[in-house]
C-alpha atoms as a PDB file:
ATOM      1  CA  UNK A   1      86.362 -44.796 -65.310  1.00  0.00           C
ATOM      2  CA  UNK A   2      90.394 -43.058 -64.952  1.00  0.00           C
ATOM      3  CA  UNK A   3      90.855 -40.404 -61.735  1.00  0.00           C
ATOM      4  CA  UNK A   4      90.741 -37.760 -64.487  1.00  0.00           C
ATOM      5  CA  UNK A   5      87.530 -38.711 -65.896  1.00  0.00           C
ATOM      6  CA  UNK A   6      86.236 -38.520 -62.197  1.00  0.00           C
ATOM      7  CA  UNK A   7      87.070 -35.044 -61.499  1.00  0.00           C
ATOM      8  CA  UNK A   8      85.463 -33.931 -64.740  1.00  0.00           C
ATOM      9  CA  UNK A   9      81.962 -31.854 -65.084  1.00  0.00           C
ATOM     10  CA  UNK A  10      79.880 -33.130 -67.164  1.00  0.00           C
ATOM     11  CA  UNK A  11      76.913 -30.288 -66.519  1.00  0.00           C
ATOM     12  CA  UNK A  12      74.625 -32.065 -69.585  1.00  0.00           C
ATOM     13  CA  UNK A  13      71.803 -30.192 -69.944  1.00  0.00           C
ATOM     14  CA  UNK A  14      71.457 -27.439 -66.680  1.00  0.00           C
ATOM     15  CA  UNK A  15      73.043 -24.826 -68.344  1.00  0.00           C
ATOM     16  CA  UNK A  16      70.684 -24.771 -71.350  1.00  0.00           C
ATOM     17  CA  UNK A  17      68.278 -25.653 -68.567  1.00  0.00           C
ATOM     18  CA  UNK A  18      69.352 -22.524 -66.269  1.00  0.00           C
ATOM     19  CA  UNK A  19      69.139 -20.756 -69.605  1.00  0.00           C
ATOM     20  CA  UNK A  20      66.148 -21.162 -70.751  1.00  0.00           C
ATOM     21  CA  UNK A  21      64.245 -20.569 -66.927  1.00  0.00           C
ATOM     22  CA  UNK A  22      65.606 -17.041 -67.100  1.00  0.00           C
ATOM     23  CA  UNK A  23      64.622 -16.337 -70.843  1.00  0.00           C
ATOM     24  CA  UNK A  24      61.181 -17.274 -69.427  1.00  0.00           C
ATOM     25  CA  UNK A  25      60.954 -15.142 -66.746  1.00  0.00           C
ATOM     26  CA  UNK A  26      62.471 -12.400 -68.609  1.00  0.00           C
ATOM     27  CA  UNK A  27      59.530 -13.076 -71.174  1.00  0.00           C
ATOM     28  CA  UNK A  28      56.858 -13.133 -68.050  1.00  0.00           C
ATOM     29  CA  UNK A  29      58.006  -9.918 -66.473  1.00  0.00           C
ATOM     30  CA  UNK A  30      58.084  -7.947 -70.307  1.00  0.00           C
ATOM     31  CA  UNK A  31      54.234  -9.252 -70.806  1.00  0.00           C
ATOM     32  CA  UNK A  32      53.369  -7.606 -67.523  1.00  0.00           C
ATOM     33  CA  UNK A  33      55.611  -4.589 -68.207  1.00  0.00           C
ATOM     34  CA  UNK A  34      53.541  -4.384 -71.449  1.00  0.00           C
ATOM     35  CA  UNK A  35      50.210  -4.592 -69.833  1.00  0.00           C
ATOM     36  CA  UNK A  36      50.528  -2.815 -67.466  1.00  0.00           C
ATOM     37  CA  UNK A  37      51.616   0.207 -70.146  1.00  0.00           C
ATOM     38  CA  UNK A  38      48.329  -1.026 -72.251  1.00  0.00           C
ATOM     39  CA  UNK A  39      46.311  -0.650 -68.619  1.00  0.00           C
ATOM     40  CA  UNK A  40      47.386   2.553 -68.228  1.00  0.00           C
ATOM     41  CA  UNK A  41      47.213   3.707 -71.778  1.00  0.00           C
ATOM     42  CA  UNK A  42      43.695   2.931 -72.081  1.00  0.00           C
ATOM     43  CA  UNK A  43      42.418   3.060 -68.523  1.00  0.00           C
ATOM     44  CA  UNK A  44      42.885   6.729 -68.892  1.00  0.00           C
ATOM     45  CA  UNK A  45      45.821   8.975 -68.308  1.00  0.00           C
ATOM     46  CA  UNK A  46      46.563  10.369 -64.393  1.00  0.00           C
ATOM     47  CA  UNK A  47      49.255  10.944 -62.740  1.00  0.00           C
ATOM     48  CA  UNK A  48      49.846   7.964 -60.405  1.00  0.00           C
ATOM     49  CA  UNK A  49      49.206   5.196 -63.005  1.00  0.00           C
ATOM     50  CA  UNK A  50      51.422   7.066 -65.198  1.00  0.00           C
ATOM     51  CA  UNK A  51      53.711   6.932 -61.764  1.00  0.00           C
ATOM     52  CA  UNK A  52      52.524   3.176 -61.502  1.00  0.00           C
ATOM     53  CA  UNK A  53      53.836   1.933 -65.494  1.00  0.00           C
ATOM     54  CA  UNK A  54      57.503   4.195 -65.180  1.00  0.00           C
ATOM     55  CA  UNK A  55      57.959   2.409 -62.385  1.00  0.00           C
ATOM     56  CA  UNK A  56      57.561  -1.424 -63.510  1.00  0.00           C
ATOM     57  CA  UNK A  57      59.190   0.018 -66.552  1.00  0.00           C
ATOM     58  CA  UNK A  58      62.107   1.068 -64.083  1.00  0.00           C
ATOM     59  CA  UNK A  59      61.633  -2.603 -62.240  1.00  0.00           C
ATOM     60  CA  UNK A  60      61.211  -4.652 -65.647  1.00  0.00           C
ATOM     61  CA  UNK A  61      64.754  -2.459 -66.838  1.00  0.00           C
ATOM     62  CA  UNK A  62      66.318  -3.701 -63.638  1.00  0.00           C
ATOM     63  CA  UNK A  63      65.378  -7.510 -64.019  1.00  0.00           C
ATOM     64  CA  UNK A  64      66.873  -7.506 -67.810  1.00  0.00           C
ATOM     65  CA  UNK A  65      69.824  -6.075 -66.335  1.00  0.00           C
ATOM     66  CA  UNK A  66      70.198  -8.681 -63.643  1.00  0.00           C
ATOM     67  CA  UNK A  67      68.904 -11.553 -66.124  1.00  0.00           C
ATOM     68  CA  UNK A  68      71.428 -10.771 -68.766  1.00  0.00           C
ATOM     69  CA  UNK A  69      74.159 -10.289 -66.751  1.00  0.00           C
ATOM     70  CA  UNK A  70      73.467 -13.965 -65.226  1.00  0.00           C
ATOM     71  CA  UNK A  71      72.961 -15.595 -68.823  1.00  0.00           C
ATOM     72  CA  UNK A  72      75.958 -14.061 -70.040  1.00  0.00           C
ATOM     73  CA  UNK A  73      77.894 -15.420 -66.947  1.00  0.00           C
ATOM     74  CA  UNK A  74      76.142 -18.881 -67.474  1.00  0.00           C
ATOM     75  CA  UNK A  75      77.735 -18.820 -71.618  1.00  0.00           C
ATOM     76  CA  UNK A  76      81.208 -17.722 -70.800  1.00  0.00           C
ATOM     77  CA  UNK A  77      82.330 -21.258 -68.783  1.00  0.00           C
ATOM     78  CA  UNK A  78      81.783 -24.072 -68.332  1.00  0.00           C
ATOM     79  CA  UNK A  79      81.145 -23.471 -64.682  1.00  0.00           C
ATOM     80  CA  UNK A  80      79.911 -20.480 -64.141  1.00  0.00           C
ATOM     81  CA  UNK A  81      79.606 -18.502 -60.284  1.00  0.00           C
ATOM     82  CA  UNK A  82      76.986 -18.954 -58.060  1.00  0.00           C
ATOM     83  CA  UNK A  83      74.429 -16.110 -58.447  1.00  0.00           C
ATOM     84  CA  UNK A  84      75.283 -14.094 -55.770  1.00  0.00           C
ATOM     85  CA  UNK A  85      73.051 -12.933 -53.235  1.00  0.00           C
ATOM     86  CA  UNK A  86      72.656  -9.726 -53.846  1.00  0.00           C
ATOM     87  CA  UNK A  87      71.921 -10.783 -57.422  1.00  0.00           C
ATOM     88  CA  UNK A  88      69.189 -12.582 -56.251  1.00  0.00           C
ATOM     89  CA  UNK A  89      67.822 -10.298 -54.064  1.00  0.00           C
ATOM     90  CA  UNK A  90      67.633  -7.607 -56.616  1.00  0.00           C
ATOM     91  CA  UNK A  91      65.855 -10.296 -59.521  1.00  0.00           C
ATOM     92  CA  UNK A  92      63.152 -11.192 -56.720  1.00  0.00           C
ATOM     93  CA  UNK A  93      62.818  -7.555 -55.972  1.00  0.00           C
ATOM     94  CA  UNK A  94      61.967  -6.644 -59.112  1.00  0.00           C
ATOM     95  CA  UNK A  95      59.608  -9.627 -59.996  1.00  0.00           C
ATOM     96  CA  UNK A  96      57.619  -9.099 -56.845  1.00  0.00           C
ATOM     97  CA  UNK A  97      57.605  -5.359 -57.247  1.00  0.00           C
ATOM     98  CA  UNK A  98      57.059  -5.564 -60.430  1.00  0.00           C
ATOM     99  CA  UNK A  99      54.163  -8.046 -60.140  1.00  0.00           C
ATOM    100  CA  UNK A 100      52.506  -5.551 -56.873  1.00  0.00           C
ATOM    101  CA  UNK A 101      52.885  -2.181 -59.250  1.00  0.00           C
ATOM    102  CA  UNK A 102      51.026  -4.130 -62.295  1.00  0.00           C
ATOM    103  CA  UNK A 103      47.866  -4.933 -60.473  1.00  0.00           C
ATOM    104  CA  UNK A 104      48.052  -1.923 -58.520  1.00  0.00           C
ATOM    105  CA  UNK A 105      46.844  -0.675 -62.220  1.00  0.00           C
ATOM    106  CA  UNK A 106      44.384  -3.246 -62.451  1.00  0.00           C
ATOM    107  CA  UNK A 107      42.615  -1.753 -59.603  1.00  0.00           C
END
């Protein structure tokens, strides 16, 4: 192995796994938002239910934005930058809040 080869990065399948993980999580958030809308429509319309459903949709869009931006960054470079703390916090906040809002619609 030469010195030039030692510094070369072989990412293997890691970028693809990361891309698929973001897609899987986006799909899960989409299912939660759709089920929240379905619960709102079939459970009887009321102001709190409509607000919770609208909040679920906004949180889903926020997560979708973060995930799409990260997937684009992963695809654009052989060595993408690390996920920023702000993006990580936004993704986590959207995921947890979406789960809370969706479960609030059930009760």
